[in-house]
C-alpha cells in the first residue's frame, strides 16, 4: 500500500500559511501553494474547538478520502492545507466534498473539463 502524500512538518505548514493563498467557506479554509513537484500533498488541521479526538479524527479521515478521490480533478504540483471549521463537525461526507470542490474552484486549480 502506498503512503499518503501528506504534509507533516510544522515548518512546512507555517511556510504555506505565510506564503500560500487562502480561501474559505462555511466548513473549510484552504491554503494552496505550488511545490514544484509532480504530485500534490495534503495537510489537514482540525482544532480542538471542532470536537473531541473521535470527531477530529473522523473529519481528517473524510478529508483524506475526499482528496484521494478527487485528486485527478485538480492540477498537480500543489501543497494544499485544509483547515476544518467548527461547522464541519456536524457535516457529512457530501457537504465536506462540496465545500472542498468549491474551494478548489475558487483557487482555480480544477482541471478544465474536456
PDB file of N, CA and C in Angstrom:
ATOM      1  N   UNK A   1       0.836  -1.185   0.000  1.00  0.00           N
ATOM      2  CA  UNK A   1       0.000   0.000   0.000  1.00  0.00           C
ATOM      3  C   UNK A   1       0.879   1.246   0.000  1.00  0.00           C
ATOM      4  N   UNK A   2       0.576   2.193  -0.893  1.00  0.00           N
ATOM      5  CA  UNK A   2       1.378   3.398  -0.992  1.00  0.00           C
ATOM      6  C   UNK A   2       1.085   4.336   0.171  1.00  0.00           C
ATOM      7  N   UNK A   3       2.100   5.106   0.529  1.00  0.00           N
ATOM      8  CA  UNK A   3       1.918   6.087   1.593  1.00  0.00           C
ATOM      9  C   UNK A   3       1.086   7.261   1.107  1.00  0.00           C
ATOM     10  N   UNK A   4       0.335   7.849   2.001  1.00  0.00           N
ATOM     11  CA  UNK A   4      -0.487   9.000   1.651  1.00  0.00           C
ATOM     12  C   UNK A   4       0.413  10.232   1.546  1.00  0.00           C
ATOM     13  N   UNK A   5       0.289  11.030   0.482  1.00  0.00           N
ATOM     14  CA  UNK A   5       1.162  12.199   0.307  1.00  0.00           C
ATOM     15  C   UNK A   5       0.745  13.353   1.215  1.00  0.00           C
ATOM     16  N   UNK A   6       1.277  13.368   2.433  1.00  0.00           N
ATOM     17  CA  UNK A   6       0.823  14.372   3.391  1.00  0.00           C
ATOM     18  C   UNK A   6       1.941  15.325   3.787  1.00  0.00           C
ATOM     19  N   UNK A   7       1.529  16.482   4.268  1.00  0.00           N
ATOM     20  CA  UNK A   7       2.437  17.482   4.830  1.00  0.00           C
ATOM     21  C   UNK A   7       2.434  17.246   6.327  1.00  0.00           C
ATOM     22  N   UNK A   8       3.615  17.047   6.909  1.00  0.00           N
ATOM     23  CA  UNK A   8       3.689  16.708   8.321  1.00  0.00           C
ATOM     24  C   UNK A   8       4.451  17.726   9.165  1.00  0.00           C
ATOM     25  N   UNK A   9       5.482  18.353   8.594  1.00  0.00           N
ATOM     26  CA  UNK A   9       6.351  19.227   9.384  1.00  0.00           C
ATOM     27  C   UNK A   9       5.679  20.561   9.682  1.00  0.00           C
ATOM     28  N   UNK A  10       5.844  21.025  10.913  1.00  0.00           N
ATOM     29  CA  UNK A  10       5.292  22.314  11.321  1.00  0.00           C
ATOM     30  C   UNK A  10       5.871  23.442  10.464  1.00  0.00           C
ATOM     31  N   UNK A  11       7.161  23.359  10.109  1.00  0.00           N
ATOM     32  CA  UNK A  11       7.786  24.410   9.301  1.00  0.00           C
ATOM     33  C   UNK A  11       7.139  24.479   7.911  1.00  0.00           C
ATOM     34  N   UNK A  12       6.757  23.327   7.358  1.00  0.00           N
ATOM     35  CA  UNK A  12       6.068  23.315   6.062  1.00  0.00           C
ATOM     36  C   UNK A  12       4.687  23.961   6.183  1.00  0.00           C
ATOM     37  N   UNK A  13       3.961  23.628   7.255  1.00  0.00           N
ATOM     38  CA  UNK A  13       2.657  24.258   7.498  1.00  0.00           C
ATOM     39  C   UNK A  13       2.808  25.773   7.609  1.00  0.00           C
ATOM     40  N   UNK A  14       3.768  26.225   8.404  1.00  0.00           N
ATOM     41  CA  UNK A  14       3.959  27.664   8.612  1.00  0.00           C
ATOM     42  C   UNK A  14       4.320  28.371   7.314  1.00  0.00           C
ATOM     43  N   UNK A  15       5.159  27.744   6.492  1.00  0.00           N
ATOM     44  CA  UNK A  15       5.550  28.322   5.213  1.00  0.00           C
ATOM     45  C   UNK A  15       4.339  28.485   4.295  1.00  0.00           C
ATOM     46  N   UNK A  16       3.479  27.480   4.255  1.00  0.00           N
ATOM     47  CA  UNK A  16       2.291  27.554   3.398  1.00  0.00           C
ATOM     48  C   UNK A  16       1.291  28.570   3.949  1.00  0.00           C
ATOM     49  N   UNK A  17       1.134  28.619   5.280  1.00  0.00           N
ATOM     50  CA  UNK A  17       0.251  29.625   5.875  1.00  0.00           C
ATOM     51  C   UNK A  17       0.719  31.034   5.511  1.00  0.00           C
ATOM     52  N   UNK A  18       2.046  31.277   5.566  1.00  0.00           N
ATOM     53  CA  UNK A  18       2.590  32.607   5.295  1.00  0.00           C
ATOM     54  C   UNK A  18       2.574  32.966   3.815  1.00  0.00           C
ATOM     55  N   UNK A  19       2.946  32.019   2.947  1.00  0.00           N
ATOM     56  CA  UNK A  19       3.175  32.334   1.542  1.00  0.00           C
ATOM     57  C   UNK A  19       2.093  31.826   0.597  1.00  0.00           C
ATOM     58  N   UNK A  20       1.209  30.962   1.085  1.00  0.00           N
ATOM     59  CA  UNK A  20       0.164  30.418   0.222  1.00  0.00           C
ATOM     60  C   UNK A  20      -1.027  31.352   0.119  1.00  0.00           C
ATOM     61  N   UNK A  21      -1.921  31.024  -0.802  1.00  0.00           N
ATOM     62  CA  UNK A  21      -3.143  31.800  -0.977  1.00  0.00           C
ATOM     63  C   UNK A  21      -4.278  31.053  -0.284  1.00  0.00           C
ATOM     64  N   UNK A  22      -5.181  31.778   0.353  1.00  0.00           N
ATOM     65  CA  UNK A  22      -6.241  31.110   1.097  1.00  0.00           C
ATOM     66  C   UNK A  22      -7.627  31.601   0.680  1.00  0.00           C
ATOM     67  N   UNK A  23      -8.553  30.659   0.685  1.00  0.00           N
ATOM     68  CA  UNK A  23      -9.974  30.945   0.511  1.00  0.00           C
ATOM     69  C   UNK A  23     -10.724  30.128   1.551  1.00  0.00           C
ATOM     70  N   UNK A  24     -11.912  30.590   1.896  1.00  0.00           N
ATOM     71  CA  UNK A  24     -12.676  29.900   2.934  1.00  0.00           C
ATOM     72  C   UNK A  24     -14.148  29.857   2.558  1.00  0.00           C
ATOM     73  N   UNK A  25     -14.831  28.881   3.122  1.00  0.00           N
ATOM     74  CA  UNK A  25     -16.287  28.850   3.088  1.00  0.00           C
ATOM     75  C   UNK A  25     -16.766  28.452   4.485  1.00  0.00           C
ATOM     76  N   UNK A  26     -18.017  28.074   4.613  1.00  0.00           N
ATOM     77  CA  UNK A  26     -18.590  27.832   5.936  1.00  0.00           C
ATOM     78  C   UNK A  26     -17.933  26.660   6.655  1.00  0.00           C
ATOM     79  N   UNK A  27     -17.484  25.654   5.913  1.00  0.00           N
ATOM     80  CA  UNK A  27     -16.962  24.434   6.532  1.00  0.00           C
ATOM     81  C   UNK A  27     -15.441  24.361   6.582  1.00  0.00           C
ATOM     82  N   UNK A  28     -14.770  24.915   5.575  1.00  0.00           N
ATOM     83  CA  UNK A  28     -13.325  24.710   5.441  1.00  0.00           C
ATOM     84  C   UNK A  28     -12.594  25.999   5.088  1.00  0.00           C
ATOM     85  N   UNK A  29     -11.309  26.016   5.402  1.00  0.00           N
ATOM     86  CA  UNK A  29     -10.381  27.032   4.911  1.00  0.00           C
ATOM     87  C   UNK A  29      -9.312  26.265   4.150  1.00  0.00           C
ATOM     88  N   UNK A  30      -8.966  26.732   2.948  1.00  0.00           N
ATOM     89  CA  UNK A  30      -7.969  26.035   2.137  1.00  0.00           C
ATOM     90  C   UNK A  30      -6.830  26.979   1.769  1.00  0.00           C
ATOM     91  N   UNK A  31      -5.606  26.529   2.062  1.00  0.00           N
ATOM     92  CA  UNK A  31      -4.393  27.232   1.663  1.00  0.00           C
ATOM     93  C   UNK A  31      -3.740  26.428   0.557  1.00  0.00           C
ATOM     94  N   UNK A  32      -3.306  27.113  -0.510  1.00  0.00           N
ATOM     95  CA  UNK A  32      -2.680  26.422  -1.639  1.00  0.00           C
ATOM     96  C   UNK A  32      -1.386  27.133  -2.004  1.00  0.00           C
ATOM     97  N   UNK A  33      -0.352  26.323  -2.252  1.00  0.00           N
ATOM     98  CA  UNK A  33       0.936  26.855  -2.686  1.00  0.00           C
ATOM     99  C   UNK A  33       1.580  25.839  -3.625  1.00  0.00           C
ATOM    100  N   UNK A  34       2.236  26.310  -4.663  1.00  0.00           N
ATOM    101  CA  UNK A  34       2.944  25.418  -5.590  1.00  0.00           C
ATOM    102  C   UNK A  34       4.131  24.778  -4.873  1.00  0.00           C
ATOM    103  N   UNK A  35       4.405  23.494  -5.192  1.00  0.00           N
ATOM    104  CA  UNK A  35       5.527  22.815  -4.545  1.00  0.00           C
ATOM    105  C   UNK A  35       6.631  22.416  -5.508  1.00  0.00           C
ATOM    106  N   UNK A  36       6.449  22.615  -6.806  1.00  0.00           N
ATOM    107  CA  UNK A  36       7.489  22.319  -7.774  1.00  0.00           C
ATOM    108  C   UNK A  36       7.700  20.838  -8.027  1.00  0.00           C
ATOM    109  N   UNK A  37       6.813  19.996  -7.548  1.00  0.00           N
ATOM    110  CA  UNK A  37       6.906  18.560  -7.796  1.00  0.00           C
ATOM    111  C   UNK A  37       5.775  18.157  -8.733  1.00  0.00           C
ATOM    112  N   UNK A  38       5.712  16.874  -9.088  1.00  0.00           N
ATOM    113  CA  UNK A  38       4.643  16.441  -9.982  1.00  0.00           C
ATOM    114  C   UNK A  38       3.474  15.819  -9.253  1.00  0.00           C
ATOM    115  N   UNK A  39       3.478  15.891  -7.919  1.00  0.00           N
ATOM    116  CA  UNK A  39       2.354  15.341  -7.164  1.00  0.00           C
ATOM    117  C   UNK A  39       1.841  16.377  -6.167  1.00  0.00           C
ATOM    118  N   UNK A  40       0.615  16.150  -5.721  1.00  0.00           N
ATOM    119  CA  UNK A  40       0.011  17.023  -4.722  1.00  0.00           C
ATOM    120  C   UNK A  40       0.232  16.445  -3.333  1.00  0.00           C
ATOM    121  N   UNK A  41       0.323  17.342  -2.342  1.00  0.00           N
ATOM    122  CA  UNK A  41       0.415  16.920  -0.949  1.00  0.00           C
ATOM    123  C   UNK A  41      -0.699  17.607  -0.180  1.00  0.00           C
ATOM    124  N   UNK A  42      -1.201  16.904   0.834  1.00  0.00           N
ATOM    125  CA  UNK A  42      -2.304  17.425   1.636  1.00  0.00           C
ATOM    126  C   UNK A  42      -1.899  17.515   3.096  1.00  0.00           C
ATOM    127  N   UNK A  43      -2.217  18.649   3.699  1.00  0.00           N
ATOM    128  CA  UNK A  43      -2.078  18.824   5.138  1.00  0.00           C
ATOM    129  C   UNK A  43      -3.462  19.087   5.708  1.00  0.00           C
ATOM    130  N   UNK A  44      -3.758  18.491   6.852  1.00  0.00           N
ATOM    131  CA  UNK A  44      -5.082  18.639   7.460  1.00  0.00           C
ATOM    132  C   UNK A  44      -4.903  19.182   8.865  1.00  0.00           C
ATOM    133  N   UNK A  45      -5.671  20.214   9.191  1.00  0.00           N
ATOM    134  CA  UNK A  45      -5.631  20.790  10.524  1.00  0.00           C
ATOM    135  C   UNK A  45      -7.051  20.844  11.072  1.00  0.00           C
ATOM    136  N   UNK A  46      -7.252  20.162  12.208  1.00  0.00           N
ATOM    137  CA  UNK A  46      -8.561  20.161  12.861  1.00  0.00           C
ATOM    138  C   UNK A  46      -8.330  20.526  14.320  1.00  0.00           C
ATOM    139  N   UNK A  47      -8.790  21.699  14.720  1.00  0.00           N
ATOM    140  CA  UNK A  47      -8.573  22.216  16.061  1.00  0.00           C
ATOM    141  C   UNK A  47      -9.410  21.487  17.112  1.00  0.00           C
ATOM    142  N   UNK A  48      -9.004  21.608  18.363  1.00  0.00           N
ATOM    143  CA  UNK A  48      -9.790  21.046  19.465  1.00  0.00           C
ATOM    144  C   UNK A  48     -11.139  21.732  19.616  1.00  0.00           C
ATOM    145  N   UNK A  49     -11.267  22.938  19.056  1.00  0.00           N
ATOM    146  CA  UNK A  49     -12.550  23.642  19.102  1.00  0.00           C
ATOM    147  C   UNK A  49     -13.616  22.900  18.295  1.00  0.00           C
ATOM    148  N   UNK A  50     -13.184  22.104  17.323  1.00  0.00           N
ATOM    149  CA  UNK A  50     -14.114  21.395  16.453  1.00  0.00           C
ATOM    150  C   UNK A  50     -14.812  20.271  17.203  1.00  0.00           C
ATOM    151  N   UNK A  51     -14.090  19.578  18.072  1.00  0.00           N
ATOM    152  CA  UNK A  51     -14.699  18.478  18.813  1.00  0.00           C
ATOM    153  C   UNK A  51     -13.654  17.624  19.497  1.00  0.00           C
ATOM    154  N   UNK A  52     -14.092  16.515  20.063  1.00  0.00           N
ATOM    155  CA  UNK A  52     -13.151  15.627  20.742  1.00  0.00           C
ATOM    156  C   UNK A  52     -12.324  14.852  19.714  1.00  0.00           C
ATOM    157  N   UNK A  53     -11.431  14.003  20.186  1.00  0.00           N
ATOM    158  CA  UNK A  53     -10.498  13.332  19.284  1.00  0.00           C
ATOM    159  C   UNK A  53     -11.202  12.444  18.269  1.00  0.00           C
ATOM    160  N   UNK A  54     -12.314  11.845  18.652  1.00  0.00           N
ATOM    161  CA  UNK A  54     -13.057  10.984  17.732  1.00  0.00           C
ATOM    162  C   UNK A  54     -13.593  11.810  16.563  1.00  0.00           C
ATOM    163  N   UNK A  55     -14.171  12.956  16.867  1.00  0.00           N
ATOM    164  CA  UNK A  55     -14.731  13.836  15.840  1.00  0.00           C
ATOM    165  C   UNK A  55     -13.624  14.381  14.947  1.00  0.00           C
ATOM    166  N   UNK A  56     -12.521  14.836  15.563  1.00  0.00           N
ATOM    167  CA  UNK A  56     -11.410  15.398  14.789  1.00  0.00           C
ATOM    168  C   UNK A  56     -10.812  14.357  13.846  1.00  0.00           C
ATOM    169  N   UNK A  57     -10.623  13.148  14.335  1.00  0.00           N
ATOM    170  CA  UNK A  57     -10.046  12.103  13.502  1.00  0.00           C
ATOM    171  C   UNK A  57     -11.005  11.698  12.377  1.00  0.00           C
ATOM    172  N   UNK A  58     -12.294  11.695  12.673  1.00  0.00           N
ATOM    173  CA  UNK A  58     -13.294  11.382  11.649  1.00  0.00           C
ATOM    174  C   UNK A  58     -13.229  12.406  10.517  1.00  0.00           C
ATOM    175  N   UNK A  59     -13.139  13.684  10.852  1.00  0.00           N
ATOM    176  CA  UNK A  59     -13.050  14.734   9.835  1.00  0.00           C
ATOM    177  C   UNK A  59     -11.768  14.576   9.029  1.00  0.00           C
ATOM    178  N   UNK A  60     -10.657  14.278   9.696  1.00  0.00           N
ATOM    179  CA  UNK A  60      -9.381  14.093   8.997  1.00  0.00           C
ATOM    180  C   UNK A  60      -9.459  12.920   8.021  1.00  0.00           C
ATOM    181  N   UNK A  61     -10.081  11.819   8.441  1.00  0.00           N
ATOM    182  CA  UNK A  61     -10.227  10.658   7.547  1.00  0.00           C
ATOM    183  C   UNK A  61     -11.092  11.005   6.333  1.00  0.00           C
ATOM    184  N   UNK A  62     -12.185  11.738   6.577  1.00  0.00           N
ATOM    185  CA  UNK A  62     -13.042  12.148   5.465  1.00  0.00           C
ATOM    186  C   UNK A  62     -12.274  13.048   4.491  1.00  0.00           C
ATOM    187  N   UNK A  63     -11.482  13.981   5.011  1.00  0.00           N
ATOM    188  CA  UNK A  63     -10.738  14.893   4.142  1.00  0.00           C
ATOM    189  C   UNK A  63      -9.686  14.142   3.323  1.00  0.00           C
ATOM    190  N   UNK A  64      -9.023  13.158   3.926  1.00  0.00           N
ATOM    191  CA  UNK A  64      -8.059  12.347   3.175  1.00  0.00           C
ATOM    192  C   UNK A  64      -8.746  11.594   2.041  1.00  0.00           C
ATOM    193  N   UNK A  65      -9.920  11.057   2.311  1.00  0.00           N
ATOM    194  CA  UNK A  65     -10.659  10.312   1.287  1.00  0.00           C
ATOM    195  C   UNK A  65     -11.145  11.244   0.181  1.00  0.00           C
ATOM    196  N   UNK A  66     -11.622  12.431   0.535  1.00  0.00           N
ATOM    197  CA  UNK A  66     -12.052  13.416  -0.461  1.00  0.00           C
ATOM    198  C   UNK A  66     -10.879  13.804  -1.349  1.00  0.00           C
ATOM    199  N   UNK A  67      -9.719  14.046  -0.745  1.00  0.00           N
ATOM    200  CA  UNK A  67      -8.516  14.379  -1.510  1.00  0.00           C
ATOM    201  C   UNK A  67      -8.146  13.234  -2.453  1.00  0.00           C
ATOM    202  N   UNK A  68      -8.170  12.009  -1.949  1.00  0.00           N
ATOM    203  CA  UNK A  68      -7.771  10.843  -2.735  1.00  0.00           C
ATOM    204  C   UNK A  68      -8.686  10.642  -3.947  1.00  0.00           C
ATOM    205  N   UNK A  69      -9.991  10.767  -3.730  1.00  0.00           N
ATOM    206  CA  UNK A  69     -10.941  10.507  -4.809  1.00  0.00           C
ATOM    207  C   UNK A  69     -11.021  11.632  -5.837  1.00  0.00           C
ATOM    208  N   UNK A  70     -10.668  12.852  -5.438  1.00  0.00           N
ATOM    209  CA  UNK A  70     -10.777  13.993  -6.350  1.00  0.00           C
ATOM    210  C   UNK A  70      -9.428  14.508  -6.833  1.00  0.00           C
ATOM    211  N   UNK A  71      -8.351  13.793  -6.509  1.00  0.00           N
ATOM    212  CA  UNK A  71      -7.012  14.273  -6.852  1.00  0.00           C
ATOM    213  C   UNK A  71      -6.795  14.368  -8.363  1.00  0.00           C
ATOM    214  N   UNK A  72      -7.431  13.494  -9.143  1.00  0.00           N
ATOM    215  CA  UNK A  72      -7.243  13.552 -10.592  1.00  0.00           C
ATOM    216  C   UNK A  72      -7.985  14.736 -11.216  1.00  0.00           C
ATOM    217  N   UNK A  73      -8.885  15.373 -10.469  1.00  0.00           N
ATOM    218  CA  UNK A  73      -9.645  16.510 -10.990  1.00  0.00           C
ATOM    219  C   UNK A  73      -8.927  17.837 -10.798  1.00  0.00           C
ATOM    220  N   UNK A  74      -7.850  17.841  -9.989  1.00  0.00           N
ATOM    221  CA  UNK A  74      -7.144  19.091  -9.740  1.00  0.00           C
ATOM    222  C   UNK A  74      -5.735  19.037 -10.324  1.00  0.00           C
ATOM    223  N   UNK A  75      -5.163  20.213 -10.538  1.00  0.00           N
ATOM    224  CA  UNK A  75      -3.831  20.308 -11.114  1.00  0.00           C
ATOM    225  C   UNK A  75      -2.807  19.645 -10.200  1.00  0.00           C
ATOM    226  N   UNK A  76      -1.642  19.350 -10.755  1.00  0.00           N
ATOM    227  CA  UNK A  76      -0.591  18.717  -9.968  1.00  0.00           C
ATOM    228  C   UNK A  76       0.456  19.750  -9.558  1.00  0.00           C
ATOM    229  N   UNK A  77       1.295  19.357  -8.608  1.00  0.00           N
ATOM    230  CA  UNK A  77       2.359  20.236  -8.143  1.00  0.00           C
ATOM    231  C   UNK A  77       1.911  21.221  -7.086  1.00  0.00           C
ATOM    232  N   UNK A  78       0.983  20.818  -6.220  1.00  0.00           N
ATOM    233  CA  UNK A  78       0.430  21.730  -5.222  1.00  0.00           C
ATOM    234  C   UNK A  78       0.598  21.181  -3.810  1.00  0.00           C
ATOM    235  N   UNK A  79       0.820  22.083  -2.869  1.00  0.00           N
ATOM    236  CA  UNK A  79       0.687  21.780  -1.449  1.00  0.00           C
ATOM    237  C   UNK A  79      -0.644  22.375  -1.014  1.00  0.00           C
ATOM    238  N   UNK A  80      -1.498  21.563  -0.445  1.00  0.00           N
ATOM    239  CA  UNK A  80      -2.834  22.006  -0.035  1.00  0.00           C
ATOM    240  C   UNK A  80      -2.986  21.744   1.452  1.00  0.00           C
ATOM    241  N   UNK A  81      -3.375  22.787   2.191  1.00  0.00           N
ATOM    242  CA  UNK A  81      -3.716  22.615   3.604  1.00  0.00           C
ATOM    243  C   UNK A  81      -5.198  22.903   3.753  1.00  0.00           C
ATOM    244  N   UNK A  82      -5.901  21.977   4.395  1.00  0.00           N
ATOM    245  CA  UNK A  82      -7.325  22.136   4.664  1.00  0.00           C
ATOM    246  C   UNK A  82      -7.493  22.293   6.172  1.00  0.00           C
ATOM    247  N   UNK A  83      -8.107  23.400   6.578  1.00  0.00           N
ATOM    248  CA  UNK A  83      -8.392  23.659   7.984  1.00  0.00           C
ATOM    249  C   UNK A  83      -9.896  23.517   8.179  1.00  0.00           C
ATOM    250  N   UNK A  84     -10.301  22.620   9.065  1.00  0.00           N
ATOM    251  CA  UNK A  84     -11.724  22.387   9.313  1.00  0.00           C
ATOM    252  C   UNK A  84     -12.256  23.424  10.290  1.00  0.00           C
ATOM    253  N   UNK A  85     -13.411  23.973   9.986  1.00  0.00           N
ATOM    254  CA  UNK A  85     -14.087  24.893  10.900  1.00  0.00           C
ATOM    255  C   UNK A  85     -15.057  24.107  11.776  1.00  0.00           C
ATOM    256  N   UNK A  86     -15.600  24.765  12.798  1.00  0.00           N
ATOM    257  CA  UNK A  86     -16.449  24.059  13.758  1.00  0.00           C
ATOM    258  C   UNK A  86     -17.701  23.472  13.113  1.00  0.00           C
ATOM    259  N   UNK A  87     -18.215  24.108  12.055  1.00  0.00           N
ATOM    260  CA  UNK A  87     -19.409  23.588  11.378  1.00  0.00           C
ATOM    261  C   UNK A  87     -19.138  22.248  10.707  1.00  0.00           C
ATOM    262  N   UNK A  88     -17.881  21.922  10.457  1.00  0.00           N
ATOM    263  CA  UNK A  88     -17.531  20.655   9.804  1.00  0.00           C
ATOM    264  C   UNK A  88     -17.832  19.456  10.702  1.00  0.00           C
ATOM    265  N   UNK A  89     -17.905  19.673  12.006  1.00  0.00           N
ATOM    266  CA  UNK A  89     -18.128  18.574  12.946  1.00  0.00           C
ATOM    267  C   UNK A  89     -19.479  17.900  12.720  1.00  0.00           C
ATOM    268  N   UNK A  90     -20.477  18.652  12.317  1.00  0.00           N
ATOM    269  CA  UNK A  90     -21.813  18.090  12.124  1.00  0.00           C
ATOM    270  C   UNK A  90     -22.119  17.817  10.654  1.00  0.00           C
ATOM    271  N   UNK A  91     -21.140  18.005   9.777  1.00  0.00           N
ATOM    272  CA  UNK A  91     -21.357  17.809   8.344  1.00  0.00           C
ATOM    273  C   UNK A  91     -21.067  16.376   7.936  1.00  0.00           C
ATOM    274  N   UNK A  92     -21.709  15.964   6.861  1.00  0.00           N
ATOM    275  CA  UNK A  92     -21.452  14.631   6.337  1.00  0.00           C
ATOM    276  C   UNK A  92     -20.473  14.707   5.160  1.00  0.00           C
ATOM    277  N   UNK A  93     -20.191  13.549   4.579  1.00  0.00           N
ATOM    278  CA  UNK A  93     -19.199  13.448   3.505  1.00  0.00           C
ATOM    279  C   UNK A  93     -19.551  14.338   2.317  1.00  0.00           C
ATOM    280  N   UNK A  94     -20.810  14.295   1.886  1.00  0.00           N
ATOM    281  CA  UNK A  94     -21.216  15.042   0.682  1.00  0.00           C
ATOM    282  C   UNK A  94     -21.039  16.554   0.869  1.00  0.00           C
ATOM    283  N   UNK A  95     -21.380  17.080   2.049  1.00  0.00           N
ATOM    284  CA  UNK A  95     -21.218  18.508   2.297  1.00  0.00           C
ATOM    285  C   UNK A  95     -19.744  18.891   2.332  1.00  0.00           C
ATOM    286  N   UNK A  96     -18.914  18.059   2.968  1.00  0.00           N
ATOM    287  CA  UNK A  96     -17.483  18.343   3.015  1.00  0.00           C
ATOM    288  C   UNK A  96     -16.860  18.272   1.626  1.00  0.00           C
ATOM    289  N   UNK A  97     -17.287  17.291   0.834  1.00  0.00           N
ATOM    290  CA  UNK A  97     -16.759  17.179  -0.528  1.00  0.00           C
ATOM    291  C   UNK A  97     -17.167  18.386  -1.366  1.00  0.00           C
ATOM    292  N   UNK A  98     -18.417  18.822  -1.222  1.00  0.00           N
ATOM    293  CA  UNK A  98     -18.875  20.009  -1.941  1.00  0.00           C
ATOM    294  C   UNK A  98     -18.099  21.254  -1.546  1.00  0.00           C
ATOM    295  N   UNK A  99     -17.822  21.391  -0.245  1.00  0.00           N
ATOM    296  CA  UNK A  99     -17.046  22.537   0.233  1.00  0.00           C
ATOM    297  C   UNK A  99     -15.618  22.487  -0.305  1.00  0.00           C
ATOM    298  N   UNK A 100     -15.026  21.286  -0.331  1.00  0.00           N
ATOM    299  CA  UNK A 100     -13.662  21.107  -0.846  1.00  0.00           C
ATOM    300  C   UNK A 100     -13.588  21.479  -2.327  1.00  0.00           C
ATOM    301  N   UNK A 101     -14.535  20.967  -3.109  1.00  0.00           N
ATOM    302  CA  UNK A 101     -14.528  21.257  -4.548  1.00  0.00           C
ATOM    303  C   UNK A 101     -14.830  22.729  -4.822  1.00  0.00           C
ATOM    304  N   UNK A 102     -15.677  23.340  -4.001  1.00  0.00           N
ATOM    305  CA  UNK A 102     -15.961  24.770  -4.128  1.00  0.00           C
ATOM    306  C   UNK A 102     -14.685  25.585  -3.934  1.00  0.00           C
ATOM    307  N   UNK A 103     -13.894  25.237  -2.918  1.00  0.00           N
ATOM    308  CA  UNK A 103     -12.648  25.957  -2.669  1.00  0.00           C
ATOM    309  C   UNK A 103     -11.619  25.694  -3.764  1.00  0.00           C
ATOM    310  N   UNK A 104     -11.595  24.489  -4.307  1.00  0.00           N
ATOM    311  CA  UNK A 104     -10.705  24.210  -5.440  1.00  0.00           C
ATOM    312  C   UNK A 104     -11.069  25.099  -6.628  1.00  0.00           C
ATOM    313  N   UNK A 105     -12.358  25.303  -6.834  1.00  0.00           N
ATOM    314  CA  UNK A 105     -12.808  26.191  -7.903  1.00  0.00           C
ATOM    315  C   UNK A 105     -12.401  27.631  -7.657  1.00  0.00           C
ATOM    316  N   UNK A 106     -12.501  28.089  -6.412  1.00  0.00           N
ATOM    317  CA  UNK A 106     -12.087  29.457  -6.087  1.00  0.00           C
ATOM    318  C   UNK A 106     -10.586  29.663  -6.306  1.00  0.00           C
ATOM    319  N   UNK A 107      -9.801  28.631  -6.033  1.00  0.00           N
ATOM    320  CA  UNK A 107      -8.353  28.699  -6.228  1.00  0.00           C
ATOM    321  C   UNK A 107      -7.959  28.514  -7.692  1.00  0.00           C
ATOM    322  N   UNK A 108      -8.909  28.168  -8.563  1.00  0.00           N
ATOM    323  CA  UNK A 108      -8.664  27.905  -9.985  1.00  0.00           C
ATOM    324  C   UNK A 108      -7.650  26.779 -10.170  1.00  0.00           C
ATOM    325  N   UNK A 109      -7.769  25.710  -9.377  1.00  0.00           N
ATOM    326  CA  UNK A 109      -6.855  24.581  -9.517  1.00  0.00           C
ATOM    327  C   UNK A 109      -7.549  23.357 -10.099  1.00  0.00           C
ATOM    328  N   UNK A 110      -8.823  23.498 -10.488  1.00  0.00           N
ATOM    329  CA  UNK A 110      -9.525  22.395 -11.132  1.00  0.00           C
ATOM    330  C   UNK A 110      -9.064  22.302 -12.577  1.00  0.00           C
ATOM    331  N   UNK A 111      -8.851  21.054 -13.045  1.00  0.00           N
ATOM    332  CA  UNK A 111      -8.514  20.859 -14.461  1.00  0.00           C
ATOM    333  C   UNK A 111      -9.746  21.193 -15.276  1.00  0.00           C
ATOM    334  N   UNK A 112      -9.527  21.766 -16.430  1.00  0.00           N
ATOM    335  CA  UNK A 112     -10.645  22.105 -17.311  1.00  0.00           C
ATOM    336  C   UNK A 112     -11.289  20.826 -17.813  1.00  0.00           C
ATOM    337  N   UNK A 113     -12.604  20.774 -17.775  1.00  0.00           N
ATOM    338  CA  UNK A 113     -13.312  19.589 -18.272  1.00  0.00           C
ATOM    339  C   UNK A 113     -13.325  19.630 -19.798  1.00  0.00           C
ATOM    340  N   UNK A 114     -12.905  18.521 -20.402  1.00  0.00           N
ATOM    341  CA  UNK A 114     -12.805  18.481 -21.864  1.00  0.00           C
ATOM    342  C   UNK A 114     -13.717  17.439 -22.428  1.00  0.00           C
TER     343      UNK A 114
END
